[in-house]
Amino acid sequence: MGTGRVMTSCVASTSAKAEPAALTRESKVGFFSRLFIPHSVRRAVHPGRAVKRAVTPKVVKKASRAMHPIDNAAYSVQRSVATTIRSGGKRKAPVFRHGSCPVKHRSAEAAARCQNP
């Protein structure tokens, strides 16, 4: 049969080096998890991160949060789409203005009663 020995490879792959997630820009929050799961719930799932975050120097935090401009643009588009879907496409309330009055009135009657020019 066999001698019971297990053959292992001595060749180490140099292309598969593990880099920290902060340096690779590939640690992203999933689109659907951001859409359906509240932020507080996502934070509670990983309690060890709060401890790690507390002991990390502020300079390191800022460097790890810095995003490439293209990634930043894609992220902002995802955020705006997710916010629109989550808010149900609610429209803003109408605003009534008159003359040079700086106040945004909620009704036409309020705008008519206003004492400002």
PDB file of N, CA and C in Angstrom:
ATOM      1  N   MET A   1       0.830  -1.181   0.000  1.00  0.00           N
ATOM      2  CA  MET A   1       0.000   0.000   0.000  1.00  0.00           C
ATOM      3  C   MET A   1       0.875   1.245   0.000  1.00  0.00           C
ATOM      4  N   GLY A   2       1.029   1.883   1.168  1.00  0.00           N
ATOM      5  CA  GLY A   2       1.864   3.075   1.237  1.00  0.00           C
ATOM      6  C   GLY A   2       2.683   3.041   2.504  1.00  0.00           C
ATOM      7  N   THR A   3       3.610   3.954   2.566  1.00  0.00           N
ATOM      8  CA  THR A   3       4.483   4.005   3.734  1.00  0.00           C
ATOM      9  C   THR A   3       3.913   4.910   4.819  1.00  0.00           C
ATOM     10  N   GLY A   4       2.813   5.572   4.555  1.00  0.00           N
ATOM     11  CA  GLY A   4       2.201   6.442   5.547  1.00  0.00           C
ATOM     12  C   GLY A   4       2.795   7.840   5.560  1.00  0.00           C
ATOM     13  N   ARG A   5       3.661   8.117   4.626  1.00  0.00           N
ATOM     14  CA  ARG A   5       4.262   9.440   4.571  1.00  0.00           C
ATOM     15  C   ARG A   5       3.380  10.372   3.754  1.00  0.00           C
ATOM     16  N   VAL A   6       3.382  11.600   4.152  1.00  0.00           N
ATOM     17  CA  VAL A   6       2.620  12.613   3.424  1.00  0.00           C
ATOM     18  C   VAL A   6       3.614  13.495   2.701  1.00  0.00           C
ATOM     19  N   MET A   7       3.418  13.636   1.420  1.00  0.00           N
ATOM     20  CA  MET A   7       4.315  14.468   0.630  1.00  0.00           C
ATOM     21  C   MET A   7       3.867  15.924   0.736  1.00  0.00           C
ATOM     22  N   THR A   8       4.774  16.795   1.102  1.00  0.00           N
ATOM     23  CA  THR A   8       4.466  18.220   1.172  1.00  0.00           C
ATOM     24  C   THR A   8       5.362  18.961   0.200  1.00  0.00           C
ATOM     25  N   SER A   9       4.857  20.059  -0.272  1.00  0.00           N
ATOM     26  CA  SER A   9       5.612  20.854  -1.220  1.00  0.00           C
ATOM     27  C   SER A   9       6.499  21.836  -0.473  1.00  0.00           C
ATOM     28  N   CYS A  10       7.726  21.955  -0.908  1.00  0.00           N
ATOM     29  CA  CYS A  10       8.665  22.881  -0.281  1.00  0.00           C
ATOM     30  C   CYS A  10       8.695  24.224  -0.997  1.00  0.00           C
ATOM     31  N   VAL A  11       7.943  24.358  -2.058  1.00  0.00           N
ATOM     32  CA  VAL A  11       7.956  25.581  -2.839  1.00  0.00           C
ATOM     33  C   VAL A  11       6.928  26.535  -2.255  1.00  0.00           C
ATOM     34  N   ALA A  12       7.368  27.708  -1.838  1.00  0.00           N
ATOM     35  CA  ALA A  12       6.459  28.706  -1.280  1.00  0.00           C
ATOM     36  C   ALA A  12       6.078  29.683  -2.385  1.00  0.00           C
ATOM     37  N   SER A  13       4.827  30.018  -2.423  1.00  0.00           N
ATOM     38  CA  SER A  13       4.353  30.955  -3.435  1.00  0.00           C
ATOM     39  C   SER A  13       4.642  32.375  -2.982  1.00  0.00           C
ATOM     40  N   THR A  14       5.386  33.123  -3.773  1.00  0.00           N
ATOM     41  CA  THR A  14       5.723  34.495  -3.408  1.00  0.00           C
ATOM     42  C   THR A  14       4.656  35.470  -3.862  1.00  0.00           C
ATOM     43  N   SER A  15       3.805  35.056  -4.805  1.00  0.00           N
ATOM     44  CA  SER A  15       2.799  35.981  -5.302  1.00  0.00           C
ATOM     45  C   SER A  15       1.593  36.060  -4.393  1.00  0.00           C
ATOM     46  N   ALA A  16       1.441  35.168  -3.458  1.00  0.00           N
ATOM     47  CA  ALA A  16       0.269  35.152  -2.592  1.00  0.00           C
ATOM     48  C   ALA A  16       0.607  35.666  -1.202  1.00  0.00           C
ATOM     49  N   LYS A  17       1.389  36.732  -1.133  1.00  0.00           N
ATOM     50  CA  LYS A  17       1.711  37.301   0.169  1.00  0.00           C
ATOM     51  C   LYS A  17       0.473  37.978   0.734  1.00  0.00           C
ATOM     52  N   ALA A  18       0.249  37.776   1.997  1.00  0.00           N
ATOM     53  CA  ALA A  18      -0.908  38.391   2.644  1.00  0.00           C
ATOM     54  C   ALA A  18      -0.534  39.792   3.103  1.00  0.00           C
ATOM     55  N   GLU A  19      -1.264  40.777   2.620  1.00  0.00           N
ATOM     56  CA  GLU A  19      -1.044  42.154   3.041  1.00  0.00           C
ATOM     57  C   GLU A  19      -2.196  42.565   3.934  1.00  0.00           C
ATOM     58  N   PRO A  20      -1.971  43.511   4.826  1.00  0.00           N
ATOM     59  CA  PRO A  20      -3.076  43.995   5.657  1.00  0.00           C
ATOM     60  C   PRO A  20      -4.171  44.594   4.794  1.00  0.00           C
ATOM     61  N   ALA A  21      -5.403  44.463   5.241  1.00  0.00           N
ATOM     62  CA  ALA A  21      -6.547  44.938   4.464  1.00  0.00           C
ATOM     63  C   ALA A  21      -6.501  46.444   4.259  1.00  0.00           C
ATOM     64  N   ALA A  22      -5.903  47.182   5.190  1.00  0.00           N
ATOM     65  CA  ALA A  22      -5.847  48.630   5.071  1.00  0.00           C
ATOM     66  C   ALA A  22      -4.968  49.071   3.911  1.00  0.00           C
ATOM     67  N   LEU A  23      -4.022  48.229   3.499  1.00  0.00           N
ATOM     68  CA  LEU A  23      -3.109  48.616   2.438  1.00  0.00           C
ATOM     69  C   LEU A  23      -3.589  48.212   1.051  1.00  0.00           C
ATOM     70  N   THR A  24      -4.567  47.342   0.956  1.00  0.00           N
ATOM     71  CA  THR A  24      -4.959  46.818  -0.339  1.00  0.00           C
ATOM     72  C   THR A  24      -6.171  47.497  -0.951  1.00  0.00           C
ATOM     73  N   ARG A  25      -6.899  48.289  -0.215  1.00  0.00           N
ATOM     74  CA  ARG A  25      -8.114  48.968  -0.674  1.00  0.00           C
ATOM     75  C   ARG A  25      -9.190  47.984  -1.108  1.00  0.00           C
ATOM     76  N   GLU A  26      -9.118  46.728  -0.704  1.00  0.00           N
ATOM     77  CA  GLU A  26     -10.114  45.752  -1.105  1.00  0.00           C
ATOM     78  C   GLU A  26     -11.045  45.392   0.037  1.00  0.00           C
ATOM     79  N   SER A  27     -10.911  46.031   1.182  1.00  0.00           N
ATOM     80  CA  SER A  27     -11.811  45.761   2.296  1.00  0.00           C
ATOM     81  C   SER A  27     -12.973  46.744   2.197  1.00  0.00           C
ATOM     82  N   LYS A  28     -14.047  46.305   1.591  1.00  0.00           N
ATOM     83  CA  LYS A  28     -15.196  47.164   1.362  1.00  0.00           C
ATOM     84  C   LYS A  28     -16.427  46.555   2.010  1.00  0.00           C
ATOM     85  N   VAL A  29     -17.312  47.419   2.426  1.00  0.00           N
ATOM     86  CA  VAL A  29     -18.581  46.959   2.976  1.00  0.00           C
ATOM     87  C   VAL A  29     -19.458  46.548   1.806  1.00  0.00           C
ATOM     88  N   GLY A  30     -20.102  45.412   1.924  1.00  0.00           N
ATOM     89  CA  GLY A  30     -20.955  44.937   0.857  1.00  0.00           C
ATOM     90  C   GLY A  30     -22.126  45.867   0.615  1.00  0.00           C
ATOM     91  N   PHE A  31     -22.528  45.996  -0.614  1.00  0.00           N
ATOM     92  CA  PHE A  31     -23.616  46.894  -0.983  1.00  0.00           C
ATOM     93  C   PHE A  31     -24.913  46.495  -0.297  1.00  0.00           C
ATOM     94  N   PHE A  32     -25.241  45.213  -0.318  1.00  0.00           N
ATOM     95  CA  PHE A  32     -26.506  44.770   0.254  1.00  0.00           C
ATOM     96  C   PHE A  32     -26.493  44.786   1.775  1.00  0.00           C
ATOM     97  N   SER A  33     -25.333  44.527   2.390  1.00  0.00           N
ATOM     98  CA  SER A  33     -25.293  44.581   3.853  1.00  0.00           C
ATOM     99  C   SER A  33     -25.481  46.019   4.322  1.00  0.00           C
ATOM    100  N   ARG A  34     -24.967  46.976   3.575  1.00  0.00           N
ATOM    101  CA  ARG A  34     -25.163  48.373   3.935  1.00  0.00           C
ATOM    102  C   ARG A  34     -26.619  48.767   3.743  1.00  0.00           C
ATOM    103  N   LEU A  35     -27.270  48.155   2.772  1.00  0.00           N
ATOM    104  CA  LEU A  35     -28.635  48.511   2.437  1.00  0.00           C
ATOM    105  C   LEU A  35     -29.643  47.968   3.434  1.00  0.00           C
ATOM    106  N   PHE A  36     -29.468  46.725   3.873  1.00  0.00           N
ATOM    107  CA  PHE A  36     -30.494  46.070   4.667  1.00  0.00           C
ATOM    108  C   PHE A  36     -30.175  45.934   6.153  1.00  0.00           C
ATOM    109  N   ILE A  37     -28.900  45.966   6.533  1.00  0.00           N
ATOM    110  CA  ILE A  37     -28.533  45.748   7.927  1.00  0.00           C
ATOM    111  C   ILE A  37     -28.087  47.071   8.536  1.00  0.00           C
ATOM    112  N   PRO A  38     -28.690  47.477   9.654  1.00  0.00           N
ATOM    113  CA  PRO A  38     -28.311  48.749  10.278  1.00  0.00           C
ATOM    114  C   PRO A  38     -26.847  48.761  10.705  1.00  0.00           C
ATOM    115  N   HIS A  39     -26.262  49.943  10.738  1.00  0.00           N
ATOM    116  CA  HIS A  39     -24.853  50.095  11.071  1.00  0.00           C
ATOM    117  C   HIS A  39     -24.554  49.580  12.478  1.00  0.00           C
ATOM    118  N   SER A  40     -25.454  49.831  13.424  1.00  0.00           N
ATOM    119  CA  SER A  40     -25.221  49.391  14.802  1.00  0.00           C
ATOM    120  C   SER A  40     -25.159  47.872  14.902  1.00  0.00           C
ATOM    121  N   VAL A  41     -25.953  47.181  14.089  1.00  0.00           N
ATOM    122  CA  VAL A  41     -25.936  45.721  14.098  1.00  0.00           C
ATOM    123  C   VAL A  41     -24.635  45.215  13.489  1.00  0.00           C
ATOM    124  N   ARG A  42     -24.186  45.842  12.392  1.00  0.00           N
ATOM    125  CA  ARG A  42     -22.935  45.426  11.774  1.00  0.00           C
ATOM    126  C   ARG A  42     -21.759  45.640  12.721  1.00  0.00           C
ATOM    127  N   ARG A  43     -21.789  46.721  13.519  1.00  0.00           N
ATOM    128  CA  ARG A  43     -20.710  46.980  14.483  1.00  0.00           C
ATOM    129  C   ARG A  43     -20.728  45.946  15.606  1.00  0.00           C
ATOM    130  N   ALA A  44     -21.927  45.569  16.066  1.00  0.00           N
ATOM    131  CA  ALA A  44     -22.045  44.647  17.194  1.00  0.00           C
ATOM    132  C   ALA A  44     -21.564  43.243  16.852  1.00  0.00           C
ATOM    133  N   VAL A  45     -21.566  42.891  15.574  1.00  0.00           N
ATOM    134  CA  VAL A  45     -21.141  41.559  15.157  1.00  0.00           C
ATOM    135  C   VAL A  45     -19.649  41.363  15.405  1.00  0.00           C
ATOM    136  N   HIS A  46     -18.871  42.436  15.385  1.00  0.00           N
ATOM    137  CA  HIS A  46     -17.420  42.343  15.549  1.00  0.00           C
ATOM    138  C   HIS A  46     -16.970  43.155  16.766  1.00  0.00           C
ATOM    139  N   PRO A  47     -17.190  42.649  17.988  1.00  0.00           N
ATOM    140  CA  PRO A  47     -16.847  43.437  19.181  1.00  0.00           C
ATOM    141  C   PRO A  47     -15.351  43.645  19.372  1.00  0.00           C
ATOM    142  N   GLY A  48     -14.515  42.769  18.838  1.00  0.00           N
ATOM    143  CA  GLY A  48     -13.066  42.922  18.991  1.00  0.00           C
ATOM    144  C   GLY A  48     -12.526  44.134  18.265  1.00  0.00           C
ATOM    145  N   ARG A  49     -13.236  44.596  17.261  1.00  0.00           N
ATOM    146  CA  ARG A  49     -12.764  45.748  16.495  1.00  0.00           C
ATOM    147  C   ARG A  49     -12.771  47.013  17.333  1.00  0.00           C
ATOM    148  N   ALA A  50     -13.696  47.114  18.278  1.00  0.00           N
ATOM    149  CA  ALA A  50     -13.757  48.310  19.119  1.00  0.00           C
ATOM    150  C   ALA A  50     -12.494  48.436  19.956  1.00  0.00           C
ATOM    151  N   VAL A  51     -11.991  47.313  20.469  1.00  0.00           N
ATOM    152  CA  VAL A  51     -10.771  47.331  21.269  1.00  0.00           C
ATOM    153  C   VAL A  51      -9.579  47.687  20.391  1.00  0.00           C
ATOM    154  N   LYS A  52      -9.513  47.080  19.220  1.00  0.00           N
ATOM    155  CA  LYS A  52      -8.401  47.352  18.299  1.00  0.00           C
ATOM    156  C   LYS A  52      -8.414  48.813  17.870  1.00  0.00           C
ATOM    157  N   ARG A  53      -9.603  49.339  17.649  1.00  0.00           N
ATOM    158  CA  ARG A  53      -9.743  50.721  17.216  1.00  0.00           C
ATOM    159  C   ARG A  53      -9.285  51.687  18.307  1.00  0.00           C
ATOM    160  N   ALA A  54      -9.540  51.338  19.566  1.00  0.00           N
ATOM    161  CA  ALA A  54      -9.191  52.223  20.676  1.00  0.00           C
ATOM    162  C   ALA A  54      -7.679  52.356  20.854  1.00  0.00           C
ATOM    163  N   VAL A  55      -6.928  51.311  20.550  1.00  0.00           N
ATOM    164  CA  VAL A  55      -5.486  51.351  20.773  1.00  0.00           C
ATOM    165  C   VAL A  55      -4.695  51.765  19.535  1.00  0.00           C
ATOM    166  N   THR A  56      -5.355  51.942  18.405  1.00  0.00           N
ATOM    167  CA  THR A  56      -4.665  52.341  17.176  1.00  0.00           C
ATOM    168  C   THR A  56      -4.423  53.857  17.182  1.00  0.00           C
ATOM    169  N   PRO A  57      -3.220  54.318  16.880  1.00  0.00           N
ATOM    170  CA  PRO A  57      -2.945  55.757  16.837  1.00  0.00           C
ATOM    171  C   PRO A  57      -3.772  56.457  15.754  1.00  0.00           C
ATOM    172  N   LYS A  58      -4.087  57.725  15.996  1.00  0.00           N
ATOM    173  CA  LYS A  58      -4.941  58.479  15.080  1.00  0.00           C
ATOM    174  C   LYS A  58      -4.314  58.618  13.690  1.00  0.00           C
ATOM    175  N   VAL A  59      -3.009  58.773  13.616  1.00  0.00           N
ATOM    176  CA  VAL A  59      -2.323  58.926  12.325  1.00  0.00           C
ATOM    177  C   VAL A  59      -2.507  57.668  11.479  1.00  0.00           C
ATOM    178  N   VAL A  60      -2.425  56.509  12.119  1.00  0.00           N
ATOM    179  CA  VAL A  60      -2.600  55.250  11.398  1.00  0.00           C
ATOM    180  C   VAL A  60      -4.034  55.109  10.920  1.00  0.00           C
ATOM    181  N   LYS A  61      -4.991  55.524  11.735  1.00  0.00           N
ATOM    182  CA  LYS A  61      -6.406  55.459  11.341  1.00  0.00           C
ATOM    183  C   LYS A  61      -6.662  56.317  10.102  1.00  0.00           C
ATOM    184  N   LYS A  62      -6.113  57.532  10.114  1.00  0.00           N
ATOM    185  CA  LYS A  62      -6.334  58.430   8.975  1.00  0.00           C
ATOM    186  C   LYS A  62      -5.720  57.868   7.704  1.00  0.00           C
ATOM    187  N   ALA A  63      -4.542  57.282   7.811  1.00  0.00           N
ATOM    188  CA  ALA A  63      -3.878  56.717   6.640  1.00  0.00           C
ATOM    189  C   ALA A  63      -4.644  55.516   6.103  1.00  0.00           C
ATOM    190  N   SER A  64      -5.210  54.719   6.980  1.00  0.00           N
ATOM    191  CA  SER A  64      -5.935  53.535   6.520  1.00  0.00           C
ATOM    192  C   SER A  64      -7.291  53.901   5.926  1.00  0.00           C
ATOM    193  N   ARG A  65      -7.861  55.054   6.343  1.00  0.00           N
ATOM    194  CA  ARG A  65      -9.162  55.458   5.799  1.00  0.00           C
ATOM    195  C   ARG A  65      -9.042  56.163   4.457  1.00  0.00           C
ATOM    196  N   ALA A  66      -7.851  56.643   4.112  1.00  0.00           N
ATOM    197  CA  ALA A  66      -7.679  57.374   2.864  1.00  0.00           C
ATOM    198  C   ALA A  66      -7.974  56.461   1.684  1.00  0.00           C
ATOM    199  N   MET A  67      -8.820  56.929   0.792  1.00  0.00           N
ATOM    200  CA  MET A  67      -9.220  56.126  -0.353  1.00  0.00           C
ATOM    201  C   MET A  67      -8.682  56.753  -1.640  1.00  0.00           C
ATOM    202  N   HIS A  68      -8.539  55.934  -2.637  1.00  0.00           N
ATOM    203  CA  HIS A  68      -8.175  56.415  -3.959  1.00  0.00           C
ATOM    204  C   HIS A  68      -9.356  57.205  -4.512  1.00  0.00           C
ATOM    205  N   PRO A  69      -9.126  58.278  -5.271  1.00  0.00           N
ATOM    206  CA  PRO A  69     -10.241  59.092  -5.769  1.00  0.00           C
ATOM    207  C   PRO A  69     -11.278  58.307  -6.567  1.00  0.00           C
ATOM    208  N   ILE A  70     -10.853  57.331  -7.338  1.00  0.00           N
ATOM    209  CA  ILE A  70     -11.816  56.534  -8.128  1.00  0.00           C
ATOM    210  C   ILE A  70     -12.653  55.668  -7.197  1.00  0.00           C
ATOM    211  N   ASP A  71     -12.013  55.048  -6.203  1.00  0.00           N
ATOM    212  CA  ASP A  71     -12.758  54.254  -5.230  1.00  0.00           C
ATOM    213  C   ASP A  71     -13.715  55.130  -4.442  1.00  0.00           C
ATOM    214  N   ASN A  72     -13.284  56.344  -4.137  1.00  0.00           N
ATOM    215  CA  ASN A  72     -14.106  57.267  -3.379  1.00  0.00           C
ATOM    216  C   ASN A  72     -15.358  57.640  -4.174  1.00  0.00           C
ATOM    217  N   ALA A  73     -15.216  57.859  -5.479  1.00  0.00           N
ATOM    218  CA  ALA A  73     -16.366  58.200  -6.318  1.00  0.00           C
ATOM    219  C   ALA A  73     -17.343  57.034  -6.401  1.00  0.00           C
ATOM    220  N   ALA A  74     -16.823  55.824  -6.572  1.00  0.00           N
ATOM    221  CA  ALA A  74     -17.694  54.649  -6.628  1.00  0.00           C
ATOM    222  C   ALA A  74     -18.423  54.447  -5.309  1.00  0.00           C
ATOM    223  N   TYR A  75     -17.728  54.687  -4.209  1.00  0.00           N
ATOM    224  CA  TYR A  75     -18.332  54.544  -2.881  1.00  0.00           C
ATOM    225  C   TYR A  75     -19.459  55.555  -2.690  1.00  0.00           C
ATOM    226  N   SER A  76     -19.253  56.787  -3.130  1.00  0.00           N
ATOM    227  CA  SER A  76     -20.287  57.810  -2.952  1.00  0.00           C
ATOM    228  C   SER A  76     -21.521  57.496  -3.783  1.00  0.00           C
ATOM    229  N   VAL A  77     -21.337  56.926  -4.970  1.00  0.00           N
ATOM    230  CA  VAL A  77     -22.480  56.532  -5.796  1.00  0.00           C
ATOM    231  C   VAL A  77     -23.258  55.421  -5.104  1.00  0.00           C
ATOM    232  N   GLN A  78     -22.546  54.428  -4.563  1.00  0.00           N
ATOM    233  CA  GLN A  78     -23.223  53.350  -3.835  1.00  0.00           C
ATOM    234  C   GLN A  78     -23.984  53.888  -2.645  1.00  0.00           C
ATOM    235  N   ARG A  79     -23.390  54.810  -1.905  1.00  0.00           N
ATOM    236  CA  ARG A  79     -24.063  55.373  -0.733  1.00  0.00           C
ATOM    237  C   ARG A  79     -25.326  56.123  -1.124  1.00  0.00           C
ATOM    238  N   SER A  80     -25.257  56.913  -2.185  1.00  0.00           N
ATOM    239  CA  SER A  80     -26.430  57.686  -2.576  1.00  0.00           C
ATOM    240  C   SER A  80     -27.559  56.779  -3.062  1.00  0.00           C
ATOM    241  N   VAL A  81     -27.208  55.722  -3.795  1.00  0.00           N
ATOM    242  CA  VAL A  81     -28.232  54.778  -4.256  1.00  0.00           C
ATOM    243  C   VAL A  81     -28.854  54.056  -3.069  1.00  0.00           C
ATOM    244  N   ALA A  82     -28.026  53.605  -2.127  1.00  0.00           N
ATOM    245  CA  ALA A  82     -28.533  52.899  -0.956  1.00  0.00           C
ATOM    246  C   ALA A  82     -29.425  53.800  -0.115  1.00  0.00           C
ATOM    247  N   THR A  83     -29.045  55.058   0.044  1.00  0.00           N
ATOM    248  CA  THR A  83     -29.847  55.991   0.829  1.00  0.00           C
ATOM    249  C   THR A  83     -31.181  56.259   0.161  1.00  0.00           C
ATOM    250  N   THR A  84     -31.178  56.392  -1.157  1.00  0.00           N
ATOM    251  CA  THR A  84     -32.413  56.623  -1.888  1.00  0.00           C
ATOM    252  C   THR A  84     -33.363  55.449  -1.752  1.00  0.00           C
ATOM    253  N   ILE A  85     -32.823  54.243  -1.879  1.00  0.00           N
ATOM    254  CA  ILE A  85     -33.669  53.053  -1.772  1.00  0.00           C
ATOM    255  C   ILE A  85     -34.208  52.919  -0.352  1.00  0.00           C
ATOM    256  N   ARG A  86     -33.339  53.149   0.650  1.00  0.00           N
ATOM    257  CA  ARG A  86     -33.754  53.002   2.038  1.00  0.00           C
ATOM    258  C   ARG A  86     -34.804  54.030   2.431  1.00  0.00           C
ATOM    259  N   SER A  87     -34.705  55.252   1.902  1.00  0.00           N
ATOM    260  CA  SER A  87     -35.657  56.291   2.266  1.00  0.00           C
ATOM    261  C   SER A  87     -36.969  56.156   1.496  1.00  0.00           C
ATOM    262  N   GLY A  88     -37.029  55.215   0.581  1.00  0.00           N
ATOM    263  CA  GLY A  88     -38.271  54.976  -0.157  1.00  0.00           C
ATOM    264  C   GLY A  88     -38.553  56.022  -1.221  1.00  0.00           C
ATOM    265  N   GLY A  89     -37.571  56.759  -1.622  1.00  0.00           N
ATOM    266  CA  GLY A  89     -37.767  57.761  -2.664  1.00  0.00           C
ATOM    267  C   GLY A  89     -38.638  58.914  -2.196  1.00  0.00           C
ATOM    268  N   LYS A  90     -38.579  59.229  -0.904  1.00  0.00           N
ATOM    269  CA  LYS A  90     -39.389  60.319  -0.356  1.00  0.00           C
ATOM    270  C   LYS A  90     -38.962  61.631  -0.994  1.00  0.00           C
ATOM    271  N   ARG A  91     -39.956  62.431  -1.338  1.00  0.00           N
ATOM    272  CA  ARG A  91     -39.661  63.732  -1.919  1.00  0.00           C
ATOM    273  C   ARG A  91     -39.591  64.775  -0.825  1.00  0.00           C
ATOM    274  N   LYS A  92     -38.857  65.822  -1.079  1.00  0.00           N
ATOM    275  CA  LYS A  92     -38.774  66.912  -0.118  1.00  0.00           C
ATOM    276  C   LYS A  92     -40.077  67.706  -0.149  1.00  0.00           C
ATOM    277  N   ALA A  93     -40.423  68.277   0.993  1.00  0.00           N
ATOM    278  CA  ALA A  93     -41.642  69.078   1.089  1.00  0.00           C
ATOM    279  C   ALA A  93     -41.493  70.323   0.223  1.00  0.00           C
ATOM    280  N   PRO A  94     -42.603  70.788  -0.369  1.00  0.00           N
ATOM    281  CA  PRO A  94     -42.518  71.995  -1.198  1.00  0.00           C
ATOM    282  C   PRO A  94     -42.210  73.224  -0.336  1.00  0.00           C
ATOM    283  N   VAL A  95     -41.523  74.171  -0.945  1.00  0.00           N
ATOM    284  CA  VAL A  95     -41.126  75.395  -0.258  1.00  0.00           C
ATOM    285  C   VAL A  95     -41.716  76.575  -1.005  1.00  0.00           C
ATOM    286  N   PHE A  96     -42.255  77.524  -0.247  1.00  0.00           N
ATOM    287  CA  PHE A  96     -42.863  78.709  -0.848  1.00  0.00           C
ATOM    288  C   PHE A  96     -42.018  79.925  -0.506  1.00  0.00           C
ATOM    289  N   ARG A  97     -41.656  80.678  -1.545  1.00  0.00           N
ATOM    290  CA  ARG A  97     -40.835  81.870  -1.362  1.00  0.00           C
ATOM    291  C   ARG A  97     -41.546  83.068  -1.985  1.00  0.00           C
ATOM    292  N   HIS A  98     -41.149  84.255  -1.545  1.00  0.00           N
ATOM    293  CA  HIS A  98     -41.701  85.481  -2.121  1.00  0.00           C
ATOM    294  C   HIS A  98     -40.661  86.588  -2.037  1.00  0.00           C
ATOM    295  N   GLY A  99     -40.601  87.406  -3.050  1.00  0.00           N
ATOM    296  CA  GLY A  99     -39.684  88.542  -3.077  1.00  0.00           C
ATOM    297  C   GLY A  99     -38.255  88.155  -2.744  1.00  0.00           C
ATOM    298  N   SER A 100     -37.629  88.930  -1.860  1.00  0.00           N
ATOM    299  CA  SER A 100     -36.257  88.637  -1.448  1.00  0.00           C
ATOM    300  C   SER A 100     -36.217  88.078  -0.020  1.00  0.00           C
ATOM    301  N   CYS A 101     -37.302  87.493   0.436  1.00  0.00           N
ATOM    302  CA  CYS A 101     -37.395  86.941   1.789  1.00  0.00           C
ATOM    303  C   CYS A 101     -36.497  85.703   1.899  1.00  0.00           C
ATOM    304  N   PRO A 102     -35.637  85.640   2.938  1.00  0.00           N
ATOM    305  CA  PRO A 102     -34.734  84.491   3.073  1.00  0.00           C
ATOM    306  C   PRO A 102     -35.393  83.255   3.698  1.00  0.00           C
ATOM    307  N   VAL A 103     -36.651  83.392   4.141  1.00  0.00           N
ATOM    308  CA  VAL A 103     -37.338  82.303   4.835  1.00  0.00           C
ATOM    309  C   VAL A 103     -37.979  81.353   3.825  1.00  0.00           C
ATOM    310  N   LYS A 104     -37.850  80.059   4.088  1.00  0.00           N
ATOM    311  CA  LYS A 104     -38.523  79.052   3.271  1.00  0.00           C
ATOM    312  C   LYS A 104     -39.850  78.725   3.955  1.00  0.00           C
ATOM    313  N   HIS A 105     -40.948  79.222   3.388  1.00  0.00           N
ATOM    314  CA  HIS A 105     -42.260  79.030   4.006  1.00  0.00           C
ATOM    315  C   HIS A 105     -42.846  77.676   3.627  1.00  0.00           C
ATOM    316  N   ARG A 106     -43.600  77.075   4.552  1.00  0.00           N
ATOM    317  CA  ARG A 106     -44.172  75.746   4.314  1.00  0.00           C
ATOM    318  C   ARG A 106     -45.478  75.794   3.531  1.00  0.00           C
ATOM    319  N   SER A 107     -46.129  76.948   3.469  1.00  0.00           N
ATOM    320  CA  SER A 107     -47.382  77.047   2.728  1.00  0.00           C
ATOM    321  C   SER A 107     -47.466  78.399   2.043  1.00  0.00           C
ATOM    322  N   ALA A 108     -48.353  78.493   1.073  1.00  0.00           N
ATOM    323  CA  ALA A 108     -48.540  79.765   0.363  1.00  0.00           C
ATOM    324  C   ALA A 108     -49.153  80.795   1.300  1.00  0.00           C
ATOM    325  N   GLU A 109     -50.011  80.345   2.207  1.00  0.00           N
ATOM    326  CA  GLU A 109     -50.632  81.271   3.173  1.00  0.00           C
ATOM    327  C   GLU A 109     -49.587  81.894   4.095  1.00  0.00           C
ATOM    328  N   ALA A 110     -48.629  81.061   4.546  1.00  0.00           N
ATOM    329  CA  ALA A 110     -47.562  81.572   5.416  1.00  0.00           C
ATOM    330  C   ALA A 110     -46.706  82.580   4.665  1.00  0.00           C
ATOM    331  N   ALA A 111     -46.474  82.344   3.392  1.00  0.00           N
ATOM    332  CA  ALA A 111     -45.687  83.284   2.590  1.00  0.00           C
ATOM    333  C   ALA A 111     -46.445  84.582   2.415  1.00  0.00           C
ATOM    334  N   ALA A 112     -47.781  84.504   2.272  1.00  0.00           N
ATOM    335  CA  ALA A 112     -48.598  85.723   2.106  1.00  0.00           C
ATOM    336  C   ALA A 112     -48.646  86.541   3.406  1.00  0.00           C
ATOM    337  N   ARG A 113     -48.642  85.859   4.568  1.00  0.00           N
ATOM    338  CA  ARG A 113     -48.697  86.550   5.848  1.00  0.00           C
ATOM    339  C   ARG A 113     -47.346  87.127   6.271  1.00  0.00           C
ATOM    340  N   CYS A 114     -46.282  86.724   5.622  1.00  0.00           N
ATOM    341  CA  CYS A 114     -44.940  87.123   6.040  1.00  0.00           C
ATOM    342  C   CYS A 114     -44.749  88.625   5.932  1.00  0.00           C
ATOM    343  N   GLN A 115     -44.086  89.203   6.929  1.00  0.00           N
ATOM    344  CA  GLN A 115     -43.844  90.645   6.980  1.00  0.00           C
ATOM    345  C   GLN A 115     -42.571  91.056   6.242  1.00  0.00           C
ATOM    346  N   ASN A 116     -41.723  90.100   5.879  1.00  0.00           N
ATOM    347  CA  ASN A 116     -40.490  90.438   5.173  1.00  0.00           C
ATOM    348  C   ASN A 116     -40.806  90.888   3.750  1.00  0.00           C
ATOM    349  N   PRO A 117     -39.993  91.777   3.185  1.00  0.00           N
ATOM    350  CA  PRO A 117     -40.257  92.243   1.807  1.00  0.00           C
ATOM    351  C   PRO A 117     -40.022  91.190   0.762  1.00  0.00           C
TER     352      PRO A 117
END
